[in-house]
Amino acid sequence: MTVRIGLTGPIACGKSTVAAWLRDLGADVIDADAIARRVVEPGTQGLRDVLVAFGDRVRAEDGGLDRAALAEIVFQDPAQLDRLEHIIHPAVRPRILDAIDAAERMAAPAVVIEAIKLVEGGLAELCDEVWLVVCRPEEQRARLIGRGASAADAAARLSSQGAVRTRLEPFATRVIETSGPIGDARQLVEDAYRAALVSRTGMAPAEPED
C-alpha cells in the first residue's frame, strides 16, 4: 500500500525542504505547483484560458505568460486570484492523478503531493494524511526577502494569503513546525513519516542506505 501524504502550508514556511527530506526517506514527491506552471506553458489550453481571462496585460513579448504581471494582479486582488485558480486547478488535477497512479504502480511506500493550494484545489481529498508546514510570520518575511522579494512585495504576498494556518489547521493530520533549528525540524519530519507508514500500513519505512 502506498500512503498518500498531502503537504501544504503558508508561503515560505519550508514545504519544499520538507518534501526533499521525504524524498530522501523514500517517498515519491509530486510538485503540484510545478505542474501548475506547466499547464500554462506556450501552446497549452491553460495559457489560452489565462490570456482570455486577463488579457494582453499578462502576455509576454514572446507570446507566453508574463508571470510577474499576473502575480502583481492576483496577489493584490482575492477575486482575481480566485479567477485564476478556477482555470488552473481543473487542469492540474488530472496530472496529479496520473502521477499518483504511477507511484502506486511502482509500489512506492508513500507519495507526497506538495501544493500550496492542496485544500482549495481539491487535492486534500485524495490524501490519507495532510501535513501542514508552518513557521513564525517573521521567518516567512525573512525567507521571502531572502529569495529576492522587496519588503513591500513580501508584505503583499503574506497579506493576500490571509490567515492560512487557521484556515488549514482543521484539515491537518500533522503540523510540522520549521521555525526552530533545522535539525529539529528534520527529526520531526522523520518521526512523522515513520508514524504515518506504521499507522497506515503497519510497516516502518526502510532505513536509508549509507
N, C-alpha and C. Protein backbone atom coordinates (compact mmCIF):
# COMPACT_ATOMS: atom_id res chain seq x y z
N MET A 1 0.84 -1.20 0.00
CA MET A 1 0.00 0.00 0.00
C MET A 1 0.88 1.25 0.00
N THR A 2 0.55 2.17 -0.86
CA THR A 2 1.24 3.46 -0.92
C THR A 2 0.46 4.49 -0.11
N VAL A 3 1.11 5.09 0.86
CA VAL A 3 0.46 6.11 1.69
C VAL A 3 0.51 7.44 0.94
N ARG A 4 -0.63 8.10 0.86
CA ARG A 4 -0.71 9.40 0.19
C ARG A 4 -0.67 10.52 1.23
N ILE A 5 0.35 11.35 1.13
CA ILE A 5 0.53 12.45 2.07
C ILE A 5 0.41 13.78 1.32
N GLY A 6 -0.52 14.61 1.75
CA GLY A 6 -0.63 15.96 1.21
C GLY A 6 0.21 16.90 2.04
N LEU A 7 1.01 17.72 1.38
CA LEU A 7 1.93 18.63 2.07
C LEU A 7 1.58 20.06 1.67
N THR A 8 1.18 20.85 2.65
CA THR A 8 0.74 22.21 2.34
C THR A 8 1.13 23.16 3.46
N GLY A 9 0.78 24.41 3.30
CA GLY A 9 1.08 25.40 4.33
C GLY A 9 1.29 26.77 3.71
N PRO A 10 1.42 27.78 4.53
CA PRO A 10 1.63 29.14 4.03
C PRO A 10 2.93 29.25 3.23
N ILE A 11 3.00 30.28 2.43
CA ILE A 11 4.18 30.53 1.62
C ILE A 11 5.41 30.73 2.51
N ALA A 12 6.57 30.23 2.02
CA ALA A 12 7.87 30.45 2.67
C ALA A 12 7.97 29.83 4.06
N CYS A 13 7.28 28.71 4.26
CA CYS A 13 7.38 28.02 5.55
C CYS A 13 8.22 26.74 5.47
N GLY A 14 8.70 26.40 4.27
CA GLY A 14 9.60 25.26 4.17
C GLY A 14 8.99 24.01 3.57
N LYS A 15 7.92 24.12 2.81
CA LYS A 15 7.30 22.93 2.21
C LYS A 15 8.27 22.17 1.31
N SER A 16 9.00 22.91 0.48
CA SER A 16 9.91 22.24 -0.45
C SER A 16 11.05 21.54 0.29
N THR A 17 11.50 22.13 1.38
CA THR A 17 12.54 21.48 2.19
C THR A 17 12.01 20.20 2.81
N VAL A 18 10.82 20.26 3.36
CA VAL A 18 10.20 19.06 3.94
C VAL A 18 10.00 18.00 2.86
N ALA A 19 9.56 18.41 1.68
CA ALA A 19 9.37 17.47 0.57
C ALA A 19 10.69 16.79 0.20
N ALA A 20 11.78 17.55 0.20
CA ALA A 20 13.09 16.98 -0.11
C ALA A 20 13.50 15.95 0.94
N TRP A 21 13.23 16.23 2.19
CA TRP A 21 13.53 15.26 3.25
C TRP A 21 12.71 13.99 3.06
N LEU A 22 11.45 14.14 2.71
CA LEU A 22 10.60 12.97 2.50
C LEU A 22 11.09 12.15 1.30
N ARG A 23 11.57 12.84 0.29
CA ARG A 23 12.15 12.13 -0.86
C ARG A 23 13.37 11.32 -0.41
N ASP A 24 14.19 11.92 0.43
CA ASP A 24 15.36 11.21 0.96
C ASP A 24 14.95 9.96 1.73
N LEU A 25 13.77 10.00 2.34
CA LEU A 25 13.29 8.87 3.14
C LEU A 25 12.61 7.80 2.28
N GLY A 26 12.50 8.05 0.98
CA GLY A 26 11.96 7.03 0.08
C GLY A 26 10.62 7.34 -0.54
N ALA A 27 10.04 8.48 -0.22
CA ALA A 27 8.74 8.84 -0.79
C ALA A 27 8.90 9.41 -2.19
N ASP A 28 7.90 9.17 -3.04
CA ASP A 28 7.80 9.89 -4.30
C ASP A 28 7.17 11.26 -4.02
N VAL A 29 7.64 12.30 -4.66
CA VAL A 29 7.11 13.65 -4.42
C VAL A 29 6.55 14.22 -5.72
N ILE A 30 5.33 14.69 -5.65
CA ILE A 30 4.68 15.36 -6.78
C ILE A 30 4.61 16.84 -6.44
N ASP A 31 5.22 17.67 -7.26
CA ASP A 31 5.22 19.12 -7.04
C ASP A 31 4.05 19.71 -7.82
N ALA A 32 2.93 19.91 -7.14
CA ALA A 32 1.73 20.43 -7.80
C ALA A 32 1.94 21.83 -8.33
N ASP A 33 2.76 22.62 -7.65
CA ASP A 33 3.00 23.98 -8.11
C ASP A 33 3.80 23.99 -9.41
N ALA A 34 4.73 23.03 -9.56
CA ALA A 34 5.46 22.91 -10.83
C ALA A 34 4.52 22.49 -11.95
N ILE A 35 3.59 21.59 -11.64
CA ILE A 35 2.60 21.19 -12.64
C ILE A 35 1.74 22.39 -13.03
N ALA A 36 1.37 23.20 -12.03
CA ALA A 36 0.56 24.39 -12.31
C ALA A 36 1.29 25.34 -13.25
N ARG A 37 2.61 25.40 -13.15
CA ARG A 37 3.37 26.24 -14.08
C ARG A 37 3.37 25.64 -15.49
N ARG A 38 3.43 24.30 -15.56
CA ARG A 38 3.48 23.66 -16.88
C ARG A 38 2.16 23.78 -17.64
N VAL A 39 1.05 23.81 -16.92
CA VAL A 39 -0.24 23.84 -17.62
C VAL A 39 -0.54 25.20 -18.26
N VAL A 40 0.33 26.19 -18.03
CA VAL A 40 0.17 27.48 -18.71
C VAL A 40 1.39 27.80 -19.57
N GLU A 41 2.12 26.77 -19.98
CA GLU A 41 3.24 26.98 -20.89
C GLU A 41 2.72 27.30 -22.29
N PRO A 42 3.56 27.87 -23.16
CA PRO A 42 3.12 28.18 -24.53
C PRO A 42 2.51 26.97 -25.23
N GLY A 43 1.40 27.21 -25.90
CA GLY A 43 0.73 26.16 -26.65
C GLY A 43 -0.32 25.40 -25.88
N THR A 44 -0.46 25.67 -24.58
CA THR A 44 -1.43 24.93 -23.77
C THR A 44 -2.78 25.63 -23.74
N GLN A 45 -3.81 24.82 -23.48
CA GLN A 45 -5.14 25.39 -23.30
C GLN A 45 -5.17 26.29 -22.06
N GLY A 46 -4.39 25.92 -21.06
CA GLY A 46 -4.34 26.73 -19.84
C GLY A 46 -3.87 28.15 -20.13
N LEU A 47 -2.83 28.28 -20.94
CA LEU A 47 -2.34 29.62 -21.29
C LEU A 47 -3.40 30.39 -22.06
N ARG A 48 -4.05 29.72 -23.00
CA ARG A 48 -5.10 30.40 -23.77
C ARG A 48 -6.21 30.89 -22.85
N ASP A 49 -6.58 30.07 -21.88
CA ASP A 49 -7.65 30.46 -20.96
C ASP A 49 -7.23 31.65 -20.09
N VAL A 50 -5.98 31.65 -19.64
CA VAL A 50 -5.49 32.76 -18.81
C VAL A 50 -5.46 34.06 -19.62
N LEU A 51 -5.02 33.98 -20.86
CA LEU A 51 -4.96 35.18 -21.69
C LEU A 51 -6.35 35.71 -22.00
N VAL A 52 -7.32 34.82 -22.17
CA VAL A 52 -8.70 35.27 -22.37
C VAL A 52 -9.21 35.97 -21.11
N ALA A 53 -8.88 35.40 -19.95
CA ALA A 53 -9.39 35.94 -18.68
C ALA A 53 -8.73 37.26 -18.29
N PHE A 54 -7.42 37.40 -18.54
CA PHE A 54 -6.68 38.55 -18.03
C PHE A 54 -6.18 39.50 -19.12
N GLY A 55 -6.24 39.07 -20.37
CA GLY A 55 -5.90 39.96 -21.47
C GLY A 55 -4.42 40.12 -21.73
N ASP A 56 -4.12 41.06 -22.63
CA ASP A 56 -2.74 41.26 -23.08
C ASP A 56 -1.81 41.77 -21.99
N ARG A 57 -2.37 42.26 -20.89
CA ARG A 57 -1.50 42.76 -19.82
C ARG A 57 -0.67 41.65 -19.20
N VAL A 58 -1.05 40.37 -19.39
CA VAL A 58 -0.25 39.26 -18.85
C VAL A 58 0.41 38.45 -19.97
N ARG A 59 0.42 38.99 -21.18
CA ARG A 59 1.08 38.32 -22.30
C ARG A 59 2.52 38.83 -22.42
N ALA A 60 3.47 37.90 -22.40
CA ALA A 60 4.88 38.26 -22.56
C ALA A 60 5.18 38.60 -24.02
N GLU A 61 6.33 39.20 -24.26
CA GLU A 61 6.70 39.59 -25.61
C GLU A 61 6.79 38.40 -26.55
N ASP A 62 7.17 37.23 -26.02
CA ASP A 62 7.29 36.04 -26.85
C ASP A 62 5.96 35.30 -27.02
N GLY A 63 4.88 35.86 -26.49
CA GLY A 63 3.57 35.23 -26.61
C GLY A 63 3.21 34.33 -25.46
N GLY A 64 4.17 34.09 -24.58
CA GLY A 64 3.91 33.26 -23.40
C GLY A 64 3.27 34.08 -22.29
N LEU A 65 3.38 33.56 -21.08
CA LEU A 65 2.77 34.21 -19.92
C LEU A 65 3.77 35.09 -19.20
N ASP A 66 3.40 36.32 -18.95
CA ASP A 66 4.20 37.22 -18.12
C ASP A 66 3.81 36.95 -16.67
N ARG A 67 4.57 36.07 -16.04
CA ARG A 67 4.20 35.61 -14.70
C ARG A 67 4.28 36.75 -13.68
N ALA A 68 5.24 37.64 -13.85
CA ALA A 68 5.36 38.75 -12.91
C ALA A 68 4.14 39.66 -12.99
N ALA A 69 3.68 39.93 -14.20
CA ALA A 69 2.50 40.78 -14.36
C ALA A 69 1.26 40.10 -13.78
N LEU A 70 1.14 38.80 -14.01
CA LEU A 70 -0.01 38.07 -13.47
C LEU A 70 0.04 38.06 -11.95
N ALA A 71 1.22 37.83 -11.38
CA ALA A 71 1.36 37.81 -9.92
C ALA A 71 0.98 39.15 -9.31
N GLU A 72 1.37 40.23 -9.97
CA GLU A 72 1.04 41.56 -9.45
C GLU A 72 -0.47 41.77 -9.39
N ILE A 73 -1.18 41.19 -10.34
CA ILE A 73 -2.64 41.32 -10.37
C ILE A 73 -3.29 40.47 -9.28
N VAL A 74 -2.93 39.19 -9.24
CA VAL A 74 -3.68 38.27 -8.37
C VAL A 74 -3.31 38.41 -6.91
N PHE A 75 -2.08 38.80 -6.60
CA PHE A 75 -1.70 38.91 -5.19
C PHE A 75 -2.31 40.15 -4.53
N GLN A 76 -2.81 41.06 -5.32
CA GLN A 76 -3.42 42.27 -4.77
C GLN A 76 -4.94 42.23 -4.80
N ASP A 77 -5.52 41.19 -5.37
CA ASP A 77 -6.97 41.14 -5.53
C ASP A 77 -7.45 39.70 -5.37
N PRO A 78 -8.04 39.36 -4.22
CA PRO A 78 -8.50 37.98 -3.99
C PRO A 78 -9.47 37.48 -5.06
N ALA A 79 -10.29 38.36 -5.61
CA ALA A 79 -11.23 37.94 -6.64
C ALA A 79 -10.50 37.50 -7.91
N GLN A 80 -9.43 38.21 -8.23
CA GLN A 80 -8.64 37.84 -9.41
C GLN A 80 -7.87 36.55 -9.17
N LEU A 81 -7.40 36.36 -7.93
CA LEU A 81 -6.72 35.11 -7.59
C LEU A 81 -7.69 33.94 -7.72
N ASP A 82 -8.90 34.13 -7.25
CA ASP A 82 -9.92 33.08 -7.37
C ASP A 82 -10.21 32.78 -8.84
N ARG A 83 -10.25 33.80 -9.65
CA ARG A 83 -10.49 33.64 -11.08
C ARG A 83 -9.39 32.79 -11.72
N LEU A 84 -8.14 33.08 -11.35
CA LEU A 84 -7.01 32.31 -11.88
C LEU A 84 -7.08 30.86 -11.43
N GLU A 85 -7.39 30.65 -10.16
CA GLU A 85 -7.41 29.29 -9.63
C GLU A 85 -8.50 28.44 -10.28
N HIS A 86 -9.59 29.06 -10.70
CA HIS A 86 -10.64 28.32 -11.38
C HIS A 86 -10.20 27.85 -12.77
N ILE A 87 -9.16 28.45 -13.29
CA ILE A 87 -8.57 27.99 -14.54
C ILE A 87 -7.52 26.91 -14.28
N ILE A 88 -6.67 27.15 -13.28
CA ILE A 88 -5.51 26.29 -13.05
C ILE A 88 -5.88 24.96 -12.41
N HIS A 89 -6.67 24.98 -11.36
CA HIS A 89 -6.93 23.75 -10.60
C HIS A 89 -7.51 22.61 -11.43
N PRO A 90 -8.51 22.85 -12.28
CA PRO A 90 -9.03 21.73 -13.09
C PRO A 90 -8.01 21.17 -14.07
N ALA A 91 -7.04 21.98 -14.48
CA ALA A 91 -6.01 21.50 -15.39
C ALA A 91 -4.94 20.69 -14.66
N VAL A 92 -4.72 21.01 -13.40
CA VAL A 92 -3.68 20.33 -12.62
C VAL A 92 -4.14 18.96 -12.13
N ARG A 93 -5.37 18.84 -11.71
CA ARG A 93 -5.85 17.62 -11.05
C ARG A 93 -5.61 16.34 -11.86
N PRO A 94 -5.94 16.28 -13.16
CA PRO A 94 -5.71 15.03 -13.90
C PRO A 94 -4.24 14.62 -13.92
N ARG A 95 -3.35 15.58 -13.97
CA ARG A 95 -1.92 15.26 -13.98
C ARG A 95 -1.47 14.74 -12.62
N ILE A 96 -2.04 15.27 -11.57
CA ILE A 96 -1.75 14.75 -10.23
C ILE A 96 -2.22 13.30 -10.11
N LEU A 97 -3.41 13.02 -10.59
CA LEU A 97 -3.94 11.65 -10.53
C LEU A 97 -3.06 10.69 -11.31
N ASP A 98 -2.56 11.12 -12.46
CA ASP A 98 -1.66 10.27 -13.25
C ASP A 98 -0.37 10.00 -12.49
N ALA A 99 0.16 11.01 -11.82
CA ALA A 99 1.41 10.85 -11.07
C ALA A 99 1.22 9.94 -9.86
N ILE A 100 0.08 10.06 -9.19
CA ILE A 100 -0.22 9.17 -8.07
C ILE A 100 -0.31 7.73 -8.56
N ASP A 101 -1.01 7.53 -9.67
CA ASP A 101 -1.16 6.19 -10.23
C ASP A 101 0.20 5.58 -10.56
N ALA A 102 1.10 6.38 -11.12
CA ALA A 102 2.43 5.89 -11.46
C ALA A 102 3.20 5.48 -10.21
N ALA A 103 3.12 6.29 -9.15
CA ALA A 103 3.81 5.97 -7.90
C ALA A 103 3.27 4.69 -7.29
N GLU A 104 1.96 4.51 -7.34
CA GLU A 104 1.36 3.32 -6.76
C GLU A 104 1.68 2.07 -7.58
N ARG A 105 1.78 2.21 -8.89
CA ARG A 105 2.17 1.06 -9.71
C ARG A 105 3.60 0.63 -9.41
N MET A 106 4.44 1.59 -9.02
CA MET A 106 5.83 1.27 -8.68
C MET A 106 5.98 0.86 -7.22
N ALA A 107 4.85 0.77 -6.50
CA ALA A 107 4.84 0.34 -5.10
C ALA A 107 5.69 1.24 -4.21
N ALA A 108 5.65 2.54 -4.46
CA ALA A 108 6.35 3.48 -3.58
C ALA A 108 5.74 3.41 -2.19
N PRO A 109 6.56 3.50 -1.13
CA PRO A 109 5.99 3.44 0.22
C PRO A 109 5.04 4.60 0.50
N ALA A 110 5.34 5.75 -0.11
CA ALA A 110 4.49 6.93 0.08
C ALA A 110 4.61 7.82 -1.14
N VAL A 111 3.54 8.54 -1.41
CA VAL A 111 3.58 9.57 -2.44
C VAL A 111 3.13 10.87 -1.80
N VAL A 112 3.92 11.91 -1.99
CA VAL A 112 3.67 13.21 -1.36
C VAL A 112 3.20 14.19 -2.42
N ILE A 113 2.07 14.82 -2.18
CA ILE A 113 1.57 15.88 -3.06
C ILE A 113 1.89 17.20 -2.38
N GLU A 114 2.88 17.90 -2.90
CA GLU A 114 3.27 19.19 -2.35
C GLU A 114 2.50 20.28 -3.08
N ALA A 115 1.63 21.00 -2.37
CA ALA A 115 0.79 22.00 -3.02
C ALA A 115 0.39 23.09 -2.04
N ILE A 116 0.65 24.33 -2.38
CA ILE A 116 0.24 25.43 -1.51
C ILE A 116 -1.29 25.53 -1.47
N LYS A 117 -1.96 25.07 -2.53
CA LYS A 117 -3.43 25.10 -2.60
C LYS A 117 -4.00 23.68 -2.55
N LEU A 118 -3.45 22.87 -1.68
CA LEU A 118 -3.87 21.47 -1.57
C LEU A 118 -5.36 21.34 -1.29
N VAL A 119 -5.85 22.12 -0.34
CA VAL A 119 -7.27 22.04 0.04
C VAL A 119 -8.14 22.73 -0.99
N GLU A 120 -7.78 23.96 -1.35
CA GLU A 120 -8.59 24.73 -2.28
C GLU A 120 -8.68 24.06 -3.65
N GLY A 121 -7.63 23.36 -4.04
CA GLY A 121 -7.61 22.69 -5.33
C GLY A 121 -8.25 21.32 -5.34
N GLY A 122 -8.82 20.90 -4.21
CA GLY A 122 -9.48 19.61 -4.14
C GLY A 122 -8.54 18.43 -4.09
N LEU A 123 -7.27 18.66 -3.74
CA LEU A 123 -6.29 17.58 -3.70
C LEU A 123 -6.22 16.91 -2.34
N ALA A 124 -6.62 17.61 -1.28
CA ALA A 124 -6.57 17.02 0.06
C ALA A 124 -7.43 15.77 0.15
N GLU A 125 -8.53 15.75 -0.59
CA GLU A 125 -9.44 14.60 -0.54
C GLU A 125 -8.82 13.35 -1.15
N LEU A 126 -7.71 13.50 -1.87
CA LEU A 126 -7.02 12.36 -2.45
C LEU A 126 -6.04 11.73 -1.47
N CYS A 127 -5.82 12.37 -0.32
CA CYS A 127 -4.73 12.01 0.59
C CYS A 127 -5.21 11.24 1.81
N ASP A 128 -4.33 10.34 2.30
CA ASP A 128 -4.58 9.66 3.57
C ASP A 128 -4.28 10.58 4.74
N GLU A 129 -3.26 11.42 4.57
CA GLU A 129 -2.89 12.38 5.61
C GLU A 129 -2.61 13.73 4.96
N VAL A 130 -2.84 14.79 5.73
CA VAL A 130 -2.49 16.15 5.31
C VAL A 130 -1.52 16.72 6.33
N TRP A 131 -0.35 17.11 5.86
CA TRP A 131 0.66 17.70 6.73
C TRP A 131 0.70 19.20 6.48
N LEU A 132 0.62 19.96 7.55
CA LEU A 132 0.63 21.42 7.47
C LEU A 132 1.99 21.92 7.94
N VAL A 133 2.74 22.55 7.05
CA VAL A 133 4.07 23.07 7.36
C VAL A 133 3.94 24.55 7.72
N VAL A 134 4.40 24.92 8.90
CA VAL A 134 4.22 26.30 9.38
C VAL A 134 5.53 26.84 9.96
N CYS A 135 5.59 28.16 10.08
CA CYS A 135 6.69 28.82 10.79
C CYS A 135 6.20 30.18 11.25
N ARG A 136 7.02 30.87 11.99
CA ARG A 136 6.64 32.19 12.50
C ARG A 136 6.57 33.21 11.36
N PRO A 137 5.64 34.18 11.43
CA PRO A 137 5.50 35.18 10.36
C PRO A 137 6.78 35.93 10.05
N GLU A 138 7.56 36.24 11.08
CA GLU A 138 8.80 36.98 10.83
C GLU A 138 9.79 36.14 10.01
N GLU A 139 9.73 34.81 10.18
CA GLU A 139 10.60 33.95 9.38
C GLU A 139 10.10 33.88 7.94
N GLN A 140 8.77 33.87 7.76
CA GLN A 140 8.23 33.92 6.40
C GLN A 140 8.74 35.15 5.66
N ARG A 141 8.63 36.30 6.30
CA ARG A 141 9.06 37.55 5.66
C ARG A 141 10.55 37.50 5.31
N ALA A 142 11.35 37.03 6.26
CA ALA A 142 12.79 36.97 6.03
C ALA A 142 13.12 36.03 4.87
N ARG A 143 12.42 34.91 4.78
CA ARG A 143 12.69 33.96 3.70
C ARG A 143 12.27 34.53 2.35
N LEU A 144 11.14 35.22 2.30
CA LEU A 144 10.70 35.83 1.04
C LEU A 144 11.69 36.89 0.58
N ILE A 145 12.13 37.73 1.50
CA ILE A 145 13.11 38.76 1.15
C ILE A 145 14.43 38.12 0.73
N GLY A 146 14.78 37.02 1.39
CA GLY A 146 15.99 36.29 1.02
C GLY A 146 15.92 35.70 -0.38
N ARG A 147 14.71 35.48 -0.89
CA ARG A 147 14.53 34.98 -2.25
C ARG A 147 14.48 36.10 -3.28
N GLY A 148 14.62 37.33 -2.82
CA GLY A 148 14.66 38.44 -3.76
C GLY A 148 13.44 39.35 -3.76
N ALA A 149 12.44 39.05 -2.95
CA ALA A 149 11.26 39.91 -2.88
C ALA A 149 11.59 41.18 -2.11
N SER A 150 10.97 42.27 -2.51
CA SER A 150 11.10 43.51 -1.74
C SER A 150 10.28 43.37 -0.47
N ALA A 151 10.53 44.24 0.49
CA ALA A 151 9.75 44.20 1.73
C ALA A 151 8.26 44.42 1.44
N ALA A 152 7.97 45.33 0.50
CA ALA A 152 6.57 45.60 0.16
C ALA A 152 5.92 44.41 -0.52
N ASP A 153 6.66 43.76 -1.43
CA ASP A 153 6.12 42.59 -2.12
C ASP A 153 5.90 41.45 -1.14
N ALA A 154 6.84 41.25 -0.23
CA ALA A 154 6.69 40.20 0.78
C ALA A 154 5.44 40.45 1.62
N ALA A 155 5.24 41.69 2.02
CA ALA A 155 4.06 42.03 2.82
C ALA A 155 2.78 41.78 2.04
N ALA A 156 2.78 42.13 0.74
CA ALA A 156 1.59 41.92 -0.09
C ALA A 156 1.29 40.45 -0.26
N ARG A 157 2.31 39.64 -0.47
CA ARG A 157 2.11 38.20 -0.64
C ARG A 157 1.55 37.57 0.64
N LEU A 158 2.11 37.97 1.77
CA LEU A 158 1.62 37.42 3.03
C LEU A 158 0.20 37.89 3.31
N SER A 159 -0.09 39.14 3.00
CA SER A 159 -1.43 39.68 3.22
C SER A 159 -2.45 38.98 2.34
N SER A 160 -2.07 38.64 1.10
CA SER A 160 -3.01 38.02 0.18
C SER A 160 -3.43 36.63 0.64
N GLN A 161 -2.59 36.00 1.47
CA GLN A 161 -2.90 34.65 1.93
C GLN A 161 -3.87 34.64 3.11
N GLY A 162 -3.98 35.77 3.80
CA GLY A 162 -4.87 35.80 4.95
C GLY A 162 -4.39 34.87 6.05
N ALA A 163 -5.32 34.41 6.85
CA ALA A 163 -4.98 33.54 7.98
C ALA A 163 -4.91 32.09 7.49
N VAL A 164 -3.87 31.80 6.70
CA VAL A 164 -3.77 30.48 6.06
C VAL A 164 -3.69 29.37 7.09
N ARG A 165 -2.85 29.56 8.10
CA ARG A 165 -2.69 28.49 9.09
C ARG A 165 -4.02 28.17 9.78
N THR A 166 -4.74 29.20 10.18
CA THR A 166 -6.04 29.00 10.84
C THR A 166 -7.01 28.27 9.93
N ARG A 167 -6.98 28.63 8.65
CA ARG A 167 -7.90 28.02 7.69
C ARG A 167 -7.57 26.55 7.41
N LEU A 168 -6.29 26.21 7.44
CA LEU A 168 -5.87 24.86 7.07
C LEU A 168 -5.80 23.89 8.24
N GLU A 169 -5.66 24.40 9.45
CA GLU A 169 -5.48 23.51 10.60
C GLU A 169 -6.59 22.46 10.75
N PRO A 170 -7.87 22.79 10.46
CA PRO A 170 -8.90 21.75 10.59
C PRO A 170 -8.69 20.54 9.66
N PHE A 171 -7.92 20.73 8.59
CA PHE A 171 -7.69 19.64 7.64
C PHE A 171 -6.43 18.84 7.96
N ALA A 172 -5.61 19.35 8.88
CA ALA A 172 -4.28 18.79 9.10
C ALA A 172 -4.30 17.55 9.98
N THR A 173 -3.62 16.51 9.50
CA THR A 173 -3.36 15.32 10.31
C THR A 173 -2.17 15.58 11.23
N ARG A 174 -1.18 16.27 10.70
CA ARG A 174 0.04 16.58 11.46
C ARG A 174 0.48 18.00 11.12
N VAL A 175 1.05 18.68 12.10
CA VAL A 175 1.59 20.03 11.90
C VAL A 175 3.11 19.96 12.05
N ILE A 176 3.82 20.43 11.03
CA ILE A 176 5.28 20.42 11.02
C ILE A 176 5.77 21.85 11.22
N GLU A 177 6.37 22.12 12.36
CA GLU A 177 6.86 23.46 12.70
C GLU A 177 8.33 23.57 12.28
N THR A 178 8.65 24.56 11.43
CA THR A 178 10.01 24.69 10.92
C THR A 178 10.74 25.93 11.43
N SER A 179 10.21 26.56 12.46
CA SER A 179 10.83 27.80 12.95
C SER A 179 12.12 27.58 13.72
N GLY A 180 12.29 26.42 14.31
CA GLY A 180 13.46 26.16 15.14
C GLY A 180 14.66 25.70 14.34
N PRO A 181 15.64 25.11 15.02
CA PRO A 181 16.83 24.58 14.34
C PRO A 181 16.44 23.57 13.27
N ILE A 182 17.17 23.58 12.16
CA ILE A 182 16.82 22.72 11.04
C ILE A 182 16.89 21.23 11.41
N GLY A 183 17.82 20.90 12.29
CA GLY A 183 17.92 19.50 12.72
C GLY A 183 16.68 19.04 13.46
N ASP A 184 16.10 19.92 14.26
CA ASP A 184 14.87 19.58 14.98
C ASP A 184 13.72 19.37 14.01
N ALA A 185 13.63 20.23 13.00
CA ALA A 185 12.56 20.10 12.02
C ALA A 185 12.69 18.81 11.23
N ARG A 186 13.91 18.47 10.85
CA ARG A 186 14.12 17.24 10.09
C ARG A 186 13.75 16.01 10.93
N GLN A 187 14.13 16.03 12.19
CA GLN A 187 13.78 14.90 13.05
C GLN A 187 12.27 14.78 13.20
N LEU A 188 11.58 15.91 13.29
CA LEU A 188 10.13 15.90 13.37
C LEU A 188 9.52 15.26 12.13
N VAL A 189 10.08 15.59 10.97
CA VAL A 189 9.59 15.01 9.71
C VAL A 189 9.85 13.51 9.66
N GLU A 190 11.04 13.10 10.05
CA GLU A 190 11.36 11.67 10.05
C GLU A 190 10.44 10.90 10.98
N ASP A 191 10.18 11.45 12.16
CA ASP A 191 9.28 10.78 13.11
C ASP A 191 7.86 10.72 12.57
N ALA A 192 7.41 11.81 11.95
CA ALA A 192 6.05 11.84 11.40
C ALA A 192 5.90 10.86 10.25
N TYR A 193 6.93 10.76 9.42
CA TYR A 193 6.89 9.83 8.28
C TYR A 193 6.81 8.38 8.76
N ARG A 194 7.64 8.07 9.74
CA ARG A 194 7.62 6.71 10.29
C ARG A 194 6.24 6.42 10.90
N ALA A 195 5.71 7.35 11.65
CA ALA A 195 4.39 7.16 12.28
C ALA A 195 3.30 6.99 11.23
N ALA A 196 3.38 7.75 10.15
CA ALA A 196 2.37 7.66 9.10
C ALA A 196 2.39 6.29 8.44
N LEU A 197 3.58 5.79 8.13
CA LEU A 197 3.67 4.49 7.48
C LEU A 197 3.24 3.37 8.41
N VAL A 198 3.64 3.46 9.67
CA VAL A 198 3.25 2.41 10.62
C VAL A 198 1.74 2.41 10.83
N SER A 199 1.15 3.58 10.99
CA SER A 199 -0.29 3.65 11.27
C SER A 199 -1.12 3.25 10.07
N ARG A 200 -0.62 3.53 8.85
CA ARG A 200 -1.42 3.25 7.65
C ARG A 200 -1.15 1.88 7.05
N THR A 201 0.07 1.37 7.23
CA THR A 201 0.43 0.10 6.60
C THR A 201 0.88 -0.97 7.58
N GLY A 202 1.21 -0.55 8.81
CA GLY A 202 1.73 -1.50 9.78
C GLY A 202 3.21 -1.77 9.61
N MET A 203 3.85 -1.06 8.67
CA MET A 203 5.27 -1.29 8.38
C MET A 203 6.05 0.01 8.50
N ALA A 204 7.22 -0.07 9.12
CA ALA A 204 8.09 1.10 9.22
C ALA A 204 8.83 1.30 7.91
N PRO A 205 9.24 2.53 7.59
CA PRO A 205 10.00 2.76 6.36
C PRO A 205 11.35 2.09 6.41
N ALA A 206 11.86 1.72 5.24
CA ALA A 206 13.19 1.13 5.17
C ALA A 206 14.23 2.16 5.58
N GLU A 207 15.26 1.70 6.25
CA GLU A 207 16.33 2.61 6.63
C GLU A 207 17.12 3.04 5.39
N PRO A 208 17.44 4.33 5.25
CA PRO A 208 18.21 4.77 4.08
C PRO A 208 19.59 4.13 4.05
N GLU A 209 20.09 3.85 2.83
CA GLU A 209 21.40 3.25 2.69
C GLU A 209 22.48 4.30 2.94
N ASP A 210 23.61 3.85 3.46
CA ASP A 210 24.74 4.76 3.69
C ASP A 210 25.36 5.16 2.36
